[in-house]
Protein backbone atom coordinates (compact mmCIF):
# COMPACT_ATOMS: atom_id res chain seq x y z
CA GLN A 1 -110.69 -10.21 155.20
CA LYS A 2 -108.71 -12.91 153.40
CA ALA A 3 -105.45 -11.06 154.07
CA VAL A 4 -106.31 -10.71 157.74
CA ASN A 5 -107.08 -14.41 158.01
CA ILE A 6 -103.72 -15.30 156.46
CA LEU A 7 -101.88 -13.06 158.91
CA ALA A 8 -103.86 -14.42 161.86
CA ASN A 9 -102.98 -18.00 160.95
CA GLU A 10 -99.32 -17.06 160.57
CA ALA A 11 -99.38 -15.37 163.98
CA LYS A 12 -100.77 -18.52 165.59
CA ARG A 13 -98.14 -20.67 163.90
CA THR A 14 -95.22 -18.52 165.05
CA GLY A 15 -96.59 -17.66 168.48
CA PHE A 16 -96.56 -13.95 167.68
CA ARG A 17 -99.19 -12.23 169.82
CA SER A 18 -100.64 -9.58 167.57
CA ALA A 19 -104.42 -9.94 167.77
CA PRO A 20 -105.05 -6.25 168.62
CA ALA A 21 -102.78 -5.13 165.79
CA LEU A 22 -104.52 -7.46 163.33
CA GLN A 23 -107.92 -6.24 164.45
CA ALA A 24 -106.84 -2.64 163.89
CA PHE A 25 -105.41 -3.61 160.51
CA MET A 26 -108.70 -5.23 159.54
CA GLU A 27 -110.64 -2.09 160.49
CA ASP A 28 -108.23 0.06 158.48
CA ILE A 29 -108.64 -2.16 155.43
CA ARG A 30 -112.41 -2.04 155.71
CA MET A 31 -112.34 1.75 155.98
CA LEU A 32 -110.01 1.99 152.99
CA PHE A 33 -112.28 -0.08 150.75
CA SER A 34 -115.33 1.90 151.88
CA ILE A 35 -113.92 5.09 150.36
CA PRO A 36 -115.09 5.75 146.79
CA GLN A 37 -112.28 5.37 144.27
CA ASP A 38 -112.58 8.91 142.92
CA VAL A 39 -112.42 10.39 146.44
CA LEU A 40 -109.43 8.22 147.30
CA GLN A 41 -107.50 9.42 144.27
CA ALA A 42 -108.47 13.08 144.65
CA SER A 43 -108.20 13.62 148.42
CA PHE A 44 -105.68 11.12 149.83
CA LYS A 45 -101.91 10.78 149.72
CA ALA A 46 -100.08 7.52 150.39
CA LEU A 47 -96.52 7.20 151.63
CA VAL A 48 -94.24 4.26 152.39
CA GLN A 49 -91.37 5.04 154.79
CA LEU A 50 -88.54 2.97 156.21
CA ASP A 51 -88.86 2.44 159.95
CA THR A 52 -86.22 3.45 162.43
CA PRO A 53 -84.41 0.56 164.20
CA GLU A 54 -86.59 1.16 167.29
CA GLN A 55 -89.78 0.95 165.22
CA SER A 56 -88.61 -2.14 163.39
CA SER A 57 -87.91 -4.08 166.58
CA GLY A 58 -90.87 -2.74 168.54
CA GLY A 59 -93.30 -5.41 167.37
CA PHE A 60 -91.16 -8.40 168.34
CA ARG A 61 -91.84 -10.08 171.64
CA ARG A 62 -88.69 -10.62 173.64
CA GLY A 63 -87.51 -14.23 173.41
CA SER A 64 -89.88 -15.21 170.60
CA ARG A 65 -88.09 -14.12 167.45
CA ALA A 66 -84.94 -12.20 166.61
CA ALA A 67 -85.24 -8.57 165.63
CA PRO A 68 -85.04 -7.98 161.88
CA THR A 69 -81.70 -7.13 160.33
CA THR A 70 -83.35 -4.88 157.73
CA PRO A 71 -85.71 -2.02 158.58
CA GLY A 72 -89.43 -2.51 158.20
CA ARG A 73 -91.76 -0.20 156.34
CA THR A 74 -94.72 1.89 157.42
CA LEU A 75 -97.56 2.58 155.03
CA SER A 76 -99.36 5.86 155.72
CA LEU A 77 -102.58 6.96 154.06
CA TRP A 78 -103.42 10.58 154.86
CA CYS A 79 -106.61 12.44 154.02
CA MET A 80 -105.66 15.91 152.77
CA ASP A 81 -109.18 17.28 152.50
CA PRO A 82 -111.17 17.82 155.74
CA SER A 83 -114.40 18.03 153.78
CA VAL A 84 -114.20 14.26 153.15
CA GLY A 85 -114.83 13.49 156.81
CA MET A 86 -117.65 16.00 157.05
CA ALA A 87 -119.27 14.61 153.90
CA SER A 88 -119.26 11.11 155.39
CA LEU A 89 -121.09 12.41 158.46
CA LEU A 90 -123.69 14.13 156.32
CA ALA A 91 -124.12 11.01 154.19
CA ALA A 92 -124.81 8.96 157.31
CA GLY A 93 -127.73 11.26 158.07
CA ALA A 94 -126.91 11.29 161.78
CA PRO A 95 -126.29 14.97 162.58
CA HIS A 96 -129.19 17.38 162.65
CA SER A 97 -126.96 20.40 163.15
CA PHE A 98 -123.29 21.33 163.40
CA VAL A 99 -122.34 23.83 166.10
CA LEU A 100 -118.70 24.90 165.92
CA THR A 101 -117.29 27.25 168.55
CA SER A 102 -113.75 28.50 168.92
CA GLY A 103 -111.76 31.67 169.29
CA THR A 104 -109.67 30.88 166.20
CA LEU A 105 -112.17 30.16 163.40
CA SER A 106 -111.87 33.51 161.65
CA PRO A 107 -111.92 34.12 158.72
CA LEU A 108 -115.14 32.14 158.58
CA PRO A 109 -115.56 31.89 154.76
CA SER A 110 -112.26 30.07 154.23
CA PHE A 111 -112.92 27.80 157.23
CA ALA A 112 -116.34 26.84 155.86
CA ALA A 113 -114.81 26.19 152.43
CA GLU A 114 -112.23 23.85 153.99
CA LEU A 115 -115.03 21.81 155.57
CA GLY A 116 -117.18 21.91 152.46
CA LEU A 117 -120.17 23.09 154.48
CA ARG A 118 -122.48 26.08 154.40
CA PHE A 119 -123.18 27.78 157.71
CA PRO A 120 -126.39 29.85 157.45
CA VAL A 121 -125.98 31.13 161.01
CA THR A 122 -122.69 32.69 162.08
CA LEU A 123 -121.66 34.86 165.00
CA GLU A 124 -118.38 36.72 165.46
CA ASN A 125 -117.74 38.63 168.66
CA PRO A 126 -115.06 41.25 169.25
CA HIS A 127 -112.20 40.48 171.58
CA VAL A 128 -112.86 41.03 175.27
CA VAL A 129 -109.74 43.22 175.38
CA GLY A 130 -110.19 46.53 173.61
CA PRO A 131 -107.62 47.74 171.05
CA GLU A 132 -106.71 50.64 173.34
CA GLN A 133 -105.55 48.09 175.94
CA VAL A 134 -103.14 46.24 173.67
CA SER A 135 -99.78 47.25 172.26
CA ALA A 136 -98.37 44.92 169.58
CA MET A 137 -94.87 45.53 168.29
CA VAL A 138 -91.92 43.91 166.55
CA VAL A 139 -88.48 44.05 168.15
CA PRO A 140 -86.01 44.39 165.25
CA LYS A 141 -82.86 44.57 167.40
CA GLY A 142 -81.85 43.51 170.89
CA PRO A 143 -80.20 45.46 173.70
CA THR A 144 -76.71 45.32 172.11
CA GLY A 145 -77.88 45.95 168.54
CA VAL A 146 -77.96 42.35 167.29
CA VAL A 147 -80.73 41.76 164.74
CA MET A 148 -83.53 39.64 166.25
CA ASN A 149 -83.90 37.14 163.41
CA ALA A 150 -85.66 33.99 164.62
CA SER A 151 -85.61 32.21 161.26
CA LEU A 152 -84.50 28.58 161.04
CA GLN A 153 -81.08 29.68 159.75
CA CYS A 154 -80.39 32.14 162.58
CA ARG A 155 -82.20 31.03 165.73
CA ASP A 156 -79.49 28.55 166.75
CA SER A 157 -76.66 31.07 166.48
CA PRO A 158 -74.94 32.07 169.75
CA GLU A 159 -75.44 35.76 168.92
CA TYR A 160 -79.21 35.41 168.58
CA LYS A 161 -79.66 33.29 171.71
CA ASN A 162 -77.51 35.62 173.80
CA GLU A 163 -79.38 38.69 172.54
CA LEU A 164 -82.79 37.10 173.15
CA GLY A 165 -81.74 36.22 176.68
CA LEU A 166 -80.64 39.80 177.39
CA LEU A 167 -83.91 41.11 175.93
CA LEU A 168 -85.94 38.87 178.26
CA VAL A 169 -83.86 40.02 181.24
CA ASN A 170 -84.71 43.64 180.40
CA LEU A 171 -88.40 42.81 179.99
CA CYS A 172 -88.44 41.12 183.40
CA ARG A 173 -87.23 44.40 184.88
CA VAL A 174 -90.12 46.46 183.50
CA VAL A 175 -93.08 44.08 183.04
CA PRO A 176 -95.29 43.70 186.13
CA GLY A 177 -96.99 40.42 186.95
CA GLY A 178 -96.82 37.54 184.49
CA LEU A 179 -94.61 37.37 181.40
CA LEU A 180 -95.35 34.67 178.80
CA VAL A 181 -92.56 33.63 176.42
CA PHE A 182 -93.48 31.34 173.51
CA PHE A 183 -91.02 29.38 171.33
CA PRO A 184 -91.71 27.79 167.91
CA SER A 185 -91.16 24.22 169.19
CA TYR A 186 -90.15 22.16 172.20
CA SER A 187 -86.69 21.61 170.73
CA VAL A 188 -86.09 25.37 170.37
CA LEU A 189 -87.35 25.88 173.92
CA LYS A 190 -84.96 23.25 175.26
CA THR A 191 -81.89 24.46 173.36
CA SER A 192 -82.54 28.04 174.48
CA MET A 193 -82.97 27.05 178.13
CA ASP A 194 -79.83 24.89 177.99
CA TRP A 195 -77.87 27.75 176.46
CA TRP A 196 -79.04 30.30 178.99
CA GLY A 197 -78.27 27.82 181.74
CA GLY A 198 -74.64 27.78 180.64
CA SER A 199 -74.35 24.38 178.92
CA GLY A 200 -73.37 25.93 175.59
CA PRO A 201 -70.28 27.95 174.67
CA SER A 202 -70.59 31.61 173.85
CA PRO A 203 -68.73 33.90 171.47
CA GLY A 204 -65.23 34.86 172.59
CA GLY A 205 -64.83 31.82 174.83
CA ALA A 206 -66.33 33.52 177.89
CA SER A 207 -69.61 32.19 179.21
CA SER A 208 -71.63 35.36 178.73
CA SER A 209 -74.81 33.29 178.49
CA SER A 210 -74.27 31.30 181.67
CA SER A 211 -75.91 33.92 183.90
CA VAL A 212 -78.99 34.67 181.77
CA MET A 213 -81.28 32.29 183.66
CA GLU A 214 -79.78 33.42 186.95
CA LYS A 215 -80.57 37.05 186.07
CA ILE A 216 -84.11 36.18 185.02
CA SER A 217 -84.68 34.12 188.18
CA GLN A 218 -83.44 37.00 190.33
CA LEU A 219 -86.13 39.22 188.79
CA LYS A 220 -88.97 36.71 188.42
CA PRO A 221 -89.39 33.00 189.22
CA THR A 222 -89.67 30.81 186.13
CA VAL A 223 -91.93 27.96 185.03
CA VAL A 224 -91.34 25.82 181.92
CA GLU A 225 -94.11 24.07 179.99
CA PRO A 226 -93.75 20.30 180.50
CA LYS A 227 -93.98 17.88 177.61
CA GLU A 228 -96.12 15.51 179.66
CA THR A 229 -99.79 16.48 179.75
CA SER A 230 -100.12 15.03 183.25
CA ALA A 231 -97.61 17.59 184.56
CA LEU A 232 -99.31 20.64 183.02
CA ALA A 233 -101.78 21.25 185.84
CA GLY A 234 -98.97 21.30 188.40
CA ALA A 235 -96.89 23.72 186.32
CA PHE A 236 -99.84 26.08 185.82
CA GLN A 237 -100.65 25.96 189.53
CA GLN A 238 -97.04 26.81 190.36
CA TYR A 239 -97.25 29.79 188.00
CA LYS A 240 -100.44 31.00 189.71
CA ASP A 241 -98.88 30.53 193.15
CA PHE A 242 -95.97 32.75 192.12
CA LEU A 243 -98.41 35.41 190.89
CA ASN A 244 -100.49 35.25 194.07
CA ASP A 245 -97.49 35.63 196.34
CA PRO A 246 -98.04 38.99 198.13
CA GLY A 247 -94.31 39.62 198.25
CA GLY A 248 -93.63 38.26 194.77
CA ARG A 249 -92.59 39.96 191.56
CA GLY A 250 -94.76 37.98 189.18
CA ALA A 251 -93.38 35.08 187.15
CA VAL A 252 -92.19 33.98 183.71
CA PHE A 253 -93.85 31.08 181.89
CA PHE A 254 -91.73 29.59 179.07
CA ALA A 255 -94.00 27.73 176.65
CA VAL A 256 -94.45 26.54 173.06
CA CYS A 257 -96.64 27.91 170.27
CA ARG A 258 -99.50 25.51 169.48
CA GLY A 259 -98.56 23.57 172.59
CA LYS A 260 -100.54 22.79 175.73
CA VAL A 261 -100.13 26.22 177.36
CA SER A 262 -101.02 28.29 174.29
CA GLU A 263 -104.41 26.59 173.85
CA GLY A 264 -107.19 26.48 176.42
CA LEU A 265 -105.56 28.20 179.40
CA ASP A 266 -106.77 31.59 180.61
CA PHE A 267 -104.01 34.13 181.29
CA ALA A 268 -106.26 36.96 182.36
CA ASP A 269 -105.19 40.19 184.02
CA ASP A 270 -101.97 39.81 186.01
CA ALA A 271 -101.28 36.35 184.56
CA GLY A 272 -100.39 37.78 181.15
CA ARG A 273 -99.20 41.37 181.27
CA ALA A 274 -96.81 40.80 178.35
CA VAL A 275 -96.44 38.07 175.73
CA VAL A 276 -93.24 37.43 173.77
CA VAL A 277 -93.37 35.24 170.65
CA THR A 278 -89.83 34.29 169.63
CA GLY A 279 -90.41 33.47 165.98
CA ILE A 280 -93.35 32.22 163.94
CA PRO A 281 -94.02 28.46 164.33
CA TYR A 282 -94.04 27.55 160.65
CA PRO A 283 -94.51 23.85 159.89
CA ASN A 284 -91.39 21.82 159.21
CA LEU A 285 -91.05 21.92 155.42
CA GLY A 286 -89.00 18.71 155.54
CA ASP A 287 -91.86 16.74 157.11
CA MET A 288 -93.41 14.43 154.52
CA ARG A 289 -96.94 15.14 155.68
CA VAL A 290 -96.35 18.88 155.18
CA ARG A 291 -94.75 18.32 151.77
CA LEU A 292 -97.65 16.15 150.60
CA ARG A 293 -100.17 18.67 151.91
CA ARG A 294 -98.46 21.44 149.91
CA GLN A 295 -98.44 19.19 146.84
CA PHE A 296 -102.17 18.54 147.32
CA LEU A 297 -102.99 22.24 147.59
CA ASP A 298 -100.84 23.07 144.54
CA GLU A 299 -102.63 20.38 142.52
CA ARG A 300 -106.04 21.66 143.64
CA LEU A 301 -105.10 25.25 142.76
CA ALA A 302 -103.84 24.18 139.33
CA ALA A 303 -107.04 22.22 138.67
CA SER A 304 -109.16 25.19 139.77
CA SER A 305 -107.20 27.51 137.45
CA ARG A 306 -107.65 25.14 134.52
CA GLY A 307 -111.39 24.98 135.21
CA ALA A 308 -111.67 28.76 135.37
CA GLY A 309 -109.75 29.12 132.12
CA ALA A 310 -111.97 26.62 130.34
CA ALA A 311 -115.08 28.48 131.52
């Protein structure tokens, strides 16, 4: 509270309007000091990062003070253990019961262990689509024999993008109704669409990739998942309109794994006759949150192994 008061007085003196930010800071400090010291050390990771120039200048009101010449710093405090939040709810005594429902909770034992809770009542239902109605397969090579390697090292190569485009063209020829194509990230989706649209060079100098989107569009109309949540409903409606067109040939929906389209939308029957996943959406190993999470899990595993050895 003393630190907040000092900052508030400084803001008044300089004319810097930051009351909401100070209020949020005060709440964060209160939350931080409410966490037991042993829990803070065992389940949290702290990180100080240099801000980008845009972040550093974002808090300065135009005309009040000059933007800083040196980058600012952002302090992040991340909870690495989801059971901490659940334990705080139980300690408050508010919930009588927890009811968790989802289609992606399995395997239940590991999920319950992550939350640190015991679920005496569990229910797992089989999928509504029977195994005899589904065919899952891996495509090792494309139409011209190029290896379909969607790893980080290969997915940006012209050979891979050209081969993936030709594969999708062939699928559009044989798949009835709706075809869903998922990419690992929005950036991979964009670079692939740009390449197939002809903005990127292709091997040999000729623009062999320039007609990929044209060929796909000749076979099926296309819809691309928007980044803006507000535009998702319109994109999904456009996809359904294409499918409901009596004289249509279905449609292709280009989307992102773990994005807005892959969660919560129903692609039943003709809306999803085939699904193509172009690579596994592994987390970015260079992201500091991912690196700290891996460090946390390694430390927990090492501590568990030491405890088992001592026993």
